[in-house]
Amino acid sequence: MSTWVRITHFPTDSLLAEGPLGWGITPFEGNYYVARKWLRTDGFRSSWLPGLCVYKFLYVWMDWEAPDGERSRMLGWLYWLPNPLLPFIWWRVALPGRHPELAIERFERIA
């Protein structure tokens, strides 16, 4: 058995990510860093709005567009110049664990 995570955009009931908790989807500081393999959408787009974290370094905010055209601004972020000591954040879409538009479920799955 392994623990998996499913992240859904609540207003549109769209699946954003689903995968194993750990290297596939890494929880860190209340957020979820999702490897591309486990993203279940291609709706994330860079907003070109940069940000800086003093120890994780440079990121860009990501907007998400639903299949019906609804757009959620700054729903996630991506470290494009990440700290080399934190490989689990390298070029992964990060989603906040407490965003009001996201539903996060953990469940057990037989591997």
C-alpha atoms as a PDB file:
ATOM      1  CA  MET A   1       0.000   0.000   0.000  1.00  0.00           C
ATOM      2  CA  SER A   2       1.151   3.513  -0.738  1.00  0.00           C
ATOM      3  CA  THR A   3      -0.387   6.900  -0.035  1.00  0.00           C
ATOM      4  CA  TRP A   4      -1.564   8.864  -3.052  1.00  0.00           C
ATOM      5  CA  VAL A   5      -2.780  12.435  -3.420  1.00  0.00           C
ATOM      6  CA  ARG A   6      -5.532  13.760  -5.687  1.00  0.00           C
ATOM      7  CA  ILE A   7      -5.744  17.543  -6.217  1.00  0.00           C
ATOM      8  CA  THR A   8      -8.944  18.849  -7.793  1.00  0.00           C
ATOM      9  CA  HIS A   9      -9.998  22.346  -8.809  1.00  0.00           C
ATOM     10  CA  PHE A  10     -13.169  22.550  -6.743  1.00  0.00           C
ATOM     11  CA  PRO A  11     -15.249  25.093  -8.774  1.00  0.00           C
ATOM     12  CA  THR A  12     -14.871  23.177 -12.062  1.00  0.00           C
ATOM     13  CA  ASP A  13     -14.349  19.663 -10.623  1.00  0.00           C
ATOM     14  CA  SER A  14     -11.238  19.354 -12.822  1.00  0.00           C
ATOM     15  CA  LEU A  15      -8.469  16.964 -11.832  1.00  0.00           C
ATOM     16  CA  LEU A  16      -5.156  18.851 -11.646  1.00  0.00           C
ATOM     17  CA  ALA A  17      -2.820  16.212 -10.204  1.00  0.00           C
ATOM     18  CA  GLU A  18      -2.904  12.655  -8.939  1.00  0.00           C
ATOM     19  CA  GLY A  19       0.024  10.546  -7.887  1.00  0.00           C
ATOM     20  CA  PRO A  20       2.034   8.938  -5.126  1.00  0.00           C
ATOM     21  CA  LEU A  21       2.900  10.977  -2.082  1.00  0.00           C
ATOM     22  CA  GLY A  22       6.682  11.270  -1.885  1.00  0.00           C
ATOM     23  CA  TRP A  23       8.880  11.882  -4.907  1.00  0.00           C
ATOM     24  CA  GLY A  24       5.897  12.058  -7.309  1.00  0.00           C
ATOM     25  CA  ILE A  25       3.973  14.663  -5.332  1.00  0.00           C
ATOM     26  CA  THR A  26       6.054  16.099  -2.517  1.00  0.00           C
ATOM     27  CA  PRO A  27       4.422  17.901   0.402  1.00  0.00           C
ATOM     28  CA  PHE A  28       6.603  20.693   1.778  1.00  0.00           C
ATOM     29  CA  GLU A  29       5.617  23.610   4.014  1.00  0.00           C
ATOM     30  CA  GLY A  30       1.910  22.979   3.408  1.00  0.00           C
ATOM     31  CA  ASN A  31       2.267  23.008  -0.373  1.00  0.00           C
ATOM     32  CA  TYR A  32       2.428  20.198  -2.934  1.00  0.00           C
ATOM     33  CA  TYR A  33       5.230  20.073  -5.517  1.00  0.00           C
ATOM     34  CA  VAL A  34       3.982  18.015  -8.461  1.00  0.00           C
ATOM     35  CA  ALA A  35       6.279  16.259 -10.934  1.00  0.00           C
ATOM     36  CA  ARG A  36       5.143  16.628 -14.559  1.00  0.00           C
ATOM     37  CA  LYS A  37       4.382  12.927 -14.795  1.00  0.00           C
ATOM     38  CA  TRP A  38       1.632  13.336 -12.204  1.00  0.00           C
ATOM     39  CA  LEU A  39      -0.016  16.492 -13.561  1.00  0.00           C
ATOM     40  CA  ARG A  40      -3.404  15.592 -15.052  1.00  0.00           C
ATOM     41  CA  THR A  41      -3.919  18.867 -16.885  1.00  0.00           C
ATOM     42  CA  ASP A  42      -2.099  20.941 -19.458  1.00  0.00           C
ATOM     43  CA  GLY A  43      -3.857  24.143 -18.373  1.00  0.00           C
ATOM     44  CA  PHE A  44      -1.025  25.700 -16.358  1.00  0.00           C
ATOM     45  CA  ARG A  45       0.538  28.761 -17.986  1.00  0.00           C
ATOM     46  CA  SER A  46       3.161  31.165 -16.748  1.00  0.00           C
ATOM     47  CA  SER A  47       1.773  34.539 -15.702  1.00  0.00           C
ATOM     48  CA  TRP A  48       5.295  35.978 -16.167  1.00  0.00           C
ATOM     49  CA  LEU A  49       4.953  37.494 -12.697  1.00  0.00           C
ATOM     50  CA  PRO A  50       8.200  36.619 -10.882  1.00  0.00           C
ATOM     51  CA  GLY A  51       8.737  35.989  -7.200  1.00  0.00           C
ATOM     52  CA  LEU A  52      11.620  35.400  -4.839  1.00  0.00           C
ATOM     53  CA  CYS A  53      11.945  33.104  -1.851  1.00  0.00           C
ATOM     54  CA  VAL A  54      15.110  33.756   0.144  1.00  0.00           C
ATOM     55  CA  TYR A  55      16.045  30.068   0.396  1.00  0.00           C
ATOM     56  CA  LYS A  56      14.199  28.415  -2.535  1.00  0.00           C
ATOM     57  CA  PHE A  57      15.183  31.229  -4.958  1.00  0.00           C
ATOM     58  CA  LEU A  58      13.347  32.455  -8.091  1.00  0.00           C
ATOM     59  CA  TYR A  59       9.887  31.379  -9.188  1.00  0.00           C
ATOM     60  CA  VAL A  60       7.137  32.445 -11.549  1.00  0.00           C
ATOM     61  CA  TRP A  61       3.417  32.427 -10.745  1.00  0.00           C
ATOM     62  CA  MET A  62       1.285  29.998 -12.747  1.00  0.00           C
ATOM     63  CA  ASP A  63      -2.277  30.662 -13.910  1.00  0.00           C
ATOM     64  CA  TRP A  64      -4.578  27.749 -14.701  1.00  0.00           C
ATOM     65  CA  GLU A  65      -7.171  27.679 -17.442  1.00  0.00           C
ATOM     66  CA  ALA A  66     -10.010  25.162 -17.221  1.00  0.00           C
ATOM     67  CA  PRO A  67     -11.282  23.342 -20.328  1.00  0.00           C
ATOM     68  CA  ASP A  68     -14.361  25.618 -20.288  1.00  0.00           C
ATOM     69  CA  GLY A  69     -12.129  28.718 -20.407  1.00  0.00           C
ATOM     70  CA  GLU A  70     -12.465  29.736 -16.751  1.00  0.00           C
ATOM     71  CA  ARG A  71      -9.148  31.068 -15.490  1.00  0.00           C
ATOM     72  CA  SER A  72      -7.715  30.928 -11.978  1.00  0.00           C
ATOM     73  CA  ARG A  73      -4.938  33.448 -11.596  1.00  0.00           C
ATOM     74  CA  MET A  74      -1.860  32.633  -9.515  1.00  0.00           C
ATOM     75  CA  LEU A  75      -3.151  29.168  -8.622  1.00  0.00           C
ATOM     76  CA  GLY A  76       0.380  27.781  -8.385  1.00  0.00           C
ATOM     77  CA  TRP A  77       4.030  28.593  -9.011  1.00  0.00           C
ATOM     78  CA  LEU A  78       7.134  27.057 -10.543  1.00  0.00           C
ATOM     79  CA  TYR A  79      10.743  27.539  -9.440  1.00  0.00           C
ATOM     80  CA  TRP A  80      12.673  28.226 -12.630  1.00  0.00           C
ATOM     81  CA  LEU A  81      15.908  28.965 -10.748  1.00  0.00           C
ATOM     82  CA  PRO A  82      15.599  26.614  -7.759  1.00  0.00           C
ATOM     83  CA  ASN A  83      17.894  26.012  -4.831  1.00  0.00           C
ATOM     84  CA  PRO A  84      20.162  23.081  -5.837  1.00  0.00           C
ATOM     85  CA  LEU A  85      19.826  21.641  -2.322  1.00  0.00           C
ATOM     86  CA  LEU A  86      16.055  21.123  -2.730  1.00  0.00           C
ATOM     87  CA  PRO A  87      15.667  18.785  -5.744  1.00  0.00           C
ATOM     88  CA  PHE A  88      12.012  18.056  -4.975  1.00  0.00           C
ATOM     89  CA  ILE A  89      11.065  21.630  -6.041  1.00  0.00           C
ATOM     90  CA  TRP A  90      13.095  21.694  -9.272  1.00  0.00           C
ATOM     91  CA  TRP A  91      10.837  22.727 -12.179  1.00  0.00           C
ATOM     92  CA  ARG A  92       7.684  21.323 -10.566  1.00  0.00           C
ATOM     93  CA  VAL A  93       4.320  23.022 -10.427  1.00  0.00           C
ATOM     94  CA  ALA A  94       3.622  23.852  -6.792  1.00  0.00           C
ATOM     95  CA  LEU A  95       0.071  24.036  -5.491  1.00  0.00           C
ATOM     96  CA  PRO A  96      -0.922  25.528  -2.141  1.00  0.00           C
ATOM     97  CA  GLY A  97      -2.383  23.072   0.330  1.00  0.00           C
ATOM     98  CA  ARG A  98      -4.914  25.584   1.649  1.00  0.00           C
ATOM     99  CA  HIS A  99      -6.150  27.350  -1.472  1.00  0.00           C
ATOM    100  CA  PRO A 100      -9.957  27.819  -1.361  1.00  0.00           C
ATOM    101  CA  GLU A 101     -10.341  26.547  -4.948  1.00  0.00           C
ATOM    102  CA  LEU A 102      -8.432  23.295  -4.362  1.00  0.00           C
ATOM    103  CA  ALA A 103      -9.664  20.029  -2.874  1.00  0.00           C
ATOM    104  CA  ILE A 104      -6.880  17.741  -1.699  1.00  0.00           C
ATOM    105  CA  GLU A 105      -7.555  14.095  -0.934  1.00  0.00           C
ATOM    106  CA  ARG A 106      -5.151  11.484   0.397  1.00  0.00           C
ATOM    107  CA  PHE A 107      -5.945   7.836  -0.119  1.00  0.00           C
ATOM    108  CA  GLU A 108      -4.283   4.436   0.051  1.00  0.00           C
ATOM    109  CA  ARG A 109      -3.612   2.527  -3.138  1.00  0.00           C
ATOM    110  CA  ILE A 110      -2.152  -0.903  -3.732  1.00  0.00           C
ATOM    111  CA  ALA A 111       1.088  -0.465  -5.657  1.00  0.00           C
END
